[in-house]
Amino acid sequence: MSLDNPQTTFLVVINEEQQYAIWPAYKAVPAGWQEVGVRGDKPTCLAHISSVWTDMRPRSLREAMDA
């Protein structure tokens, strides 16, 4: 499958810094990332990320600035 193929299913993943990405469902999720439970075509996954990732700063930076 190609990443540009509209039939490709993606997963929404997140890392320890609470940064989001999409990952092709046919590949193993890389170390340091975990699924968030959203799966679908690329536009669906990107729409979910847009709705939940409102602060683009990494978690460690947000915590340092809040301290």
N, C-alpha and C. Protein backbone atom coordinates (compact mmCIF):
# COMPACT_ATOMS: atom_id res chain seq x y z
N MET A 1 0.84 -1.20 0.00
CA MET A 1 0.00 0.00 0.00
C MET A 1 0.87 1.25 0.00
N SER A 2 0.38 2.26 -0.61
CA SER A 2 1.07 3.54 -0.68
C SER A 2 0.47 4.50 0.35
N LEU A 3 1.29 5.38 0.88
CA LEU A 3 0.78 6.37 1.83
C LEU A 3 -0.16 7.35 1.17
N ASP A 4 -0.09 7.49 -0.14
CA ASP A 4 -0.98 8.39 -0.87
C ASP A 4 -2.24 7.69 -1.39
N ASN A 5 -2.33 6.39 -1.19
CA ASN A 5 -3.49 5.63 -1.63
C ASN A 5 -4.67 5.96 -0.72
N PRO A 6 -5.81 6.39 -1.26
CA PRO A 6 -6.96 6.73 -0.41
C PRO A 6 -7.51 5.53 0.37
N GLN A 7 -7.14 4.32 -0.01
CA GLN A 7 -7.59 3.14 0.70
C GLN A 7 -6.72 2.82 1.93
N THR A 8 -5.60 3.51 2.08
CA THR A 8 -4.70 3.25 3.21
C THR A 8 -5.36 3.69 4.52
N THR A 9 -5.31 2.82 5.50
CA THR A 9 -5.83 3.14 6.83
C THR A 9 -4.67 3.61 7.71
N PHE A 10 -4.93 4.66 8.46
CA PHE A 10 -3.93 5.23 9.35
C PHE A 10 -4.38 5.14 10.79
N LEU A 11 -3.42 5.24 11.70
CA LEU A 11 -3.67 5.32 13.13
C LEU A 11 -3.20 6.69 13.59
N VAL A 12 -3.86 7.24 14.61
CA VAL A 12 -3.33 8.43 15.27
C VAL A 12 -2.48 7.93 16.42
N VAL A 13 -1.26 8.43 16.50
CA VAL A 13 -0.33 8.02 17.55
C VAL A 13 0.16 9.25 18.30
N ILE A 14 0.66 9.01 19.52
CA ILE A 14 1.16 10.09 20.36
C ILE A 14 2.45 9.61 21.03
N ASN A 15 3.36 10.55 21.28
CA ASN A 15 4.60 10.18 21.96
C ASN A 15 4.61 10.73 23.39
N GLU A 16 5.71 10.52 24.10
CA GLU A 16 5.81 10.94 25.50
C GLU A 16 5.72 12.45 25.67
N GLU A 17 6.07 13.18 24.64
CA GLU A 17 5.99 14.65 24.68
C GLU A 17 4.61 15.16 24.27
N GLN A 18 3.68 14.24 24.11
CA GLN A 18 2.30 14.54 23.71
C GLN A 18 2.23 15.22 22.36
N GLN A 19 3.08 14.76 21.44
CA GLN A 19 3.06 15.19 20.06
C GLN A 19 2.34 14.11 19.25
N TYR A 20 1.49 14.53 18.34
CA TYR A 20 0.67 13.60 17.56
C TYR A 20 1.23 13.39 16.17
N ALA A 21 0.88 12.26 15.59
CA ALA A 21 1.25 11.94 14.21
C ALA A 21 0.27 10.90 13.68
N ILE A 22 0.31 10.70 12.37
CA ILE A 22 -0.44 9.59 11.80
C ILE A 22 0.57 8.53 11.38
N TRP A 23 0.14 7.28 11.42
CA TRP A 23 1.02 6.17 11.10
C TRP A 23 0.21 5.15 10.32
N PRO A 24 0.77 4.58 9.26
CA PRO A 24 0.03 3.58 8.49
C PRO A 24 -0.29 2.36 9.35
N ALA A 25 -1.53 1.92 9.31
CA ALA A 25 -1.98 0.82 10.17
C ALA A 25 -1.30 -0.50 9.82
N TYR A 26 -0.80 -0.64 8.61
CA TYR A 26 -0.17 -1.90 8.22
C TYR A 26 1.27 -2.02 8.73
N LYS A 27 1.79 -0.98 9.39
CA LYS A 27 3.15 -1.03 9.94
C LYS A 27 3.07 -1.04 11.46
N ALA A 28 4.06 -1.64 12.09
CA ALA A 28 4.13 -1.63 13.56
C ALA A 28 4.40 -0.21 14.04
N VAL A 29 3.73 0.16 15.11
CA VAL A 29 3.93 1.49 15.69
C VAL A 29 5.35 1.54 16.26
N PRO A 30 6.11 2.58 15.93
CA PRO A 30 7.50 2.63 16.39
C PRO A 30 7.62 2.82 17.89
N ALA A 31 8.75 2.42 18.44
CA ALA A 31 9.02 2.59 19.86
C ALA A 31 8.89 4.06 20.24
N GLY A 32 8.31 4.30 21.39
CA GLY A 32 8.13 5.66 21.87
C GLY A 32 6.81 6.29 21.47
N TRP A 33 6.04 5.58 20.67
CA TRP A 33 4.73 6.07 20.22
C TRP A 33 3.67 5.06 20.62
N GLN A 34 2.45 5.53 20.86
CA GLN A 34 1.34 4.62 21.16
C GLN A 34 0.08 5.11 20.47
N GLU A 35 -0.78 4.15 20.17
CA GLU A 35 -2.05 4.48 19.52
C GLU A 35 -2.96 5.21 20.50
N VAL A 36 -3.78 6.12 19.96
CA VAL A 36 -4.74 6.83 20.81
C VAL A 36 -6.17 6.30 20.60
N GLY A 37 -6.34 5.35 19.69
CA GLY A 37 -7.66 4.75 19.47
C GLY A 37 -8.43 5.30 18.29
N VAL A 38 -7.80 6.16 17.50
CA VAL A 38 -8.45 6.70 16.31
C VAL A 38 -7.78 6.08 15.10
N ARG A 39 -8.61 5.59 14.19
CA ARG A 39 -8.13 4.92 12.99
C ARG A 39 -9.06 5.30 11.85
N GLY A 40 -8.49 5.47 10.66
CA GLY A 40 -9.31 5.80 9.50
C GLY A 40 -8.45 6.27 8.35
N ASP A 41 -9.08 6.95 7.41
CA ASP A 41 -8.32 7.49 6.29
C ASP A 41 -7.54 8.71 6.76
N LYS A 42 -6.64 9.19 5.90
CA LYS A 42 -5.76 10.30 6.28
C LYS A 42 -6.54 11.54 6.71
N PRO A 43 -7.57 11.99 5.95
CA PRO A 43 -8.30 13.19 6.38
C PRO A 43 -8.97 13.03 7.75
N THR A 44 -9.50 11.85 8.04
CA THR A 44 -10.14 11.61 9.33
C THR A 44 -9.14 11.73 10.46
N CYS A 45 -7.99 11.11 10.28
CA CYS A 45 -6.96 11.14 11.32
C CYS A 45 -6.40 12.55 11.51
N LEU A 46 -6.16 13.26 10.42
CA LEU A 46 -5.65 14.62 10.53
C LEU A 46 -6.68 15.55 11.16
N ALA A 47 -7.96 15.34 10.88
CA ALA A 47 -9.01 16.16 11.50
C ALA A 47 -9.03 15.93 13.01
N HIS A 48 -8.87 14.68 13.43
CA HIS A 48 -8.84 14.40 14.87
C HIS A 48 -7.66 15.11 15.52
N ILE A 49 -6.49 15.02 14.92
CA ILE A 49 -5.31 15.68 15.48
C ILE A 49 -5.54 17.18 15.57
N SER A 50 -6.12 17.77 14.55
CA SER A 50 -6.39 19.22 14.57
C SER A 50 -7.32 19.61 15.70
N SER A 51 -8.24 18.72 16.04
CA SER A 51 -9.21 19.05 17.09
C SER A 51 -8.66 18.88 18.50
N VAL A 52 -7.66 18.01 18.68
CA VAL A 52 -7.16 17.75 20.04
C VAL A 52 -5.79 18.34 20.32
N TRP A 53 -4.99 18.60 19.31
CA TRP A 53 -3.63 19.10 19.53
C TRP A 53 -3.64 20.61 19.34
N THR A 54 -4.10 21.30 20.36
CA THR A 54 -4.28 22.75 20.27
C THR A 54 -3.05 23.52 20.74
N ASP A 55 -2.17 22.89 21.48
CA ASP A 55 -0.93 23.52 21.94
C ASP A 55 0.23 22.70 21.40
N MET A 56 0.92 23.22 20.41
CA MET A 56 1.95 22.48 19.70
C MET A 56 3.25 22.32 20.48
N ARG A 57 3.37 23.00 21.61
CA ARG A 57 4.61 22.88 22.38
C ARG A 57 4.72 21.47 22.96
N PRO A 58 5.93 20.91 22.99
CA PRO A 58 6.12 19.61 23.63
C PRO A 58 5.74 19.70 25.12
N ARG A 59 5.33 18.57 25.68
CA ARG A 59 4.91 18.52 27.08
C ARG A 59 5.98 19.08 28.00
N SER A 60 7.25 18.71 27.79
CA SER A 60 8.31 19.19 28.69
C SER A 60 8.44 20.71 28.66
N LEU A 61 8.26 21.32 27.52
CA LEU A 61 8.32 22.78 27.42
C LEU A 61 7.13 23.41 28.14
N ARG A 62 5.94 22.86 27.94
CA ARG A 62 4.76 23.41 28.64
C ARG A 62 4.95 23.34 30.15
N GLU A 63 5.46 22.21 30.63
CA GLU A 63 5.66 22.06 32.07
C GLU A 63 6.72 23.02 32.58
N ALA A 64 7.79 23.21 31.84
CA ALA A 64 8.85 24.14 32.26
C ALA A 64 8.33 25.58 32.29
N MET A 65 7.51 25.94 31.34
CA MET A 65 6.98 27.30 31.30
C MET A 65 5.95 27.52 32.39
N ASP A 66 5.26 26.47 32.82
CA ASP A 66 4.25 26.59 33.87
C ASP A 66 4.89 26.62 35.27
N ALA A 67 6.14 26.19 35.37
CA ALA A 67 6.80 26.12 36.68
C ALA A 67 7.28 27.47 37.15
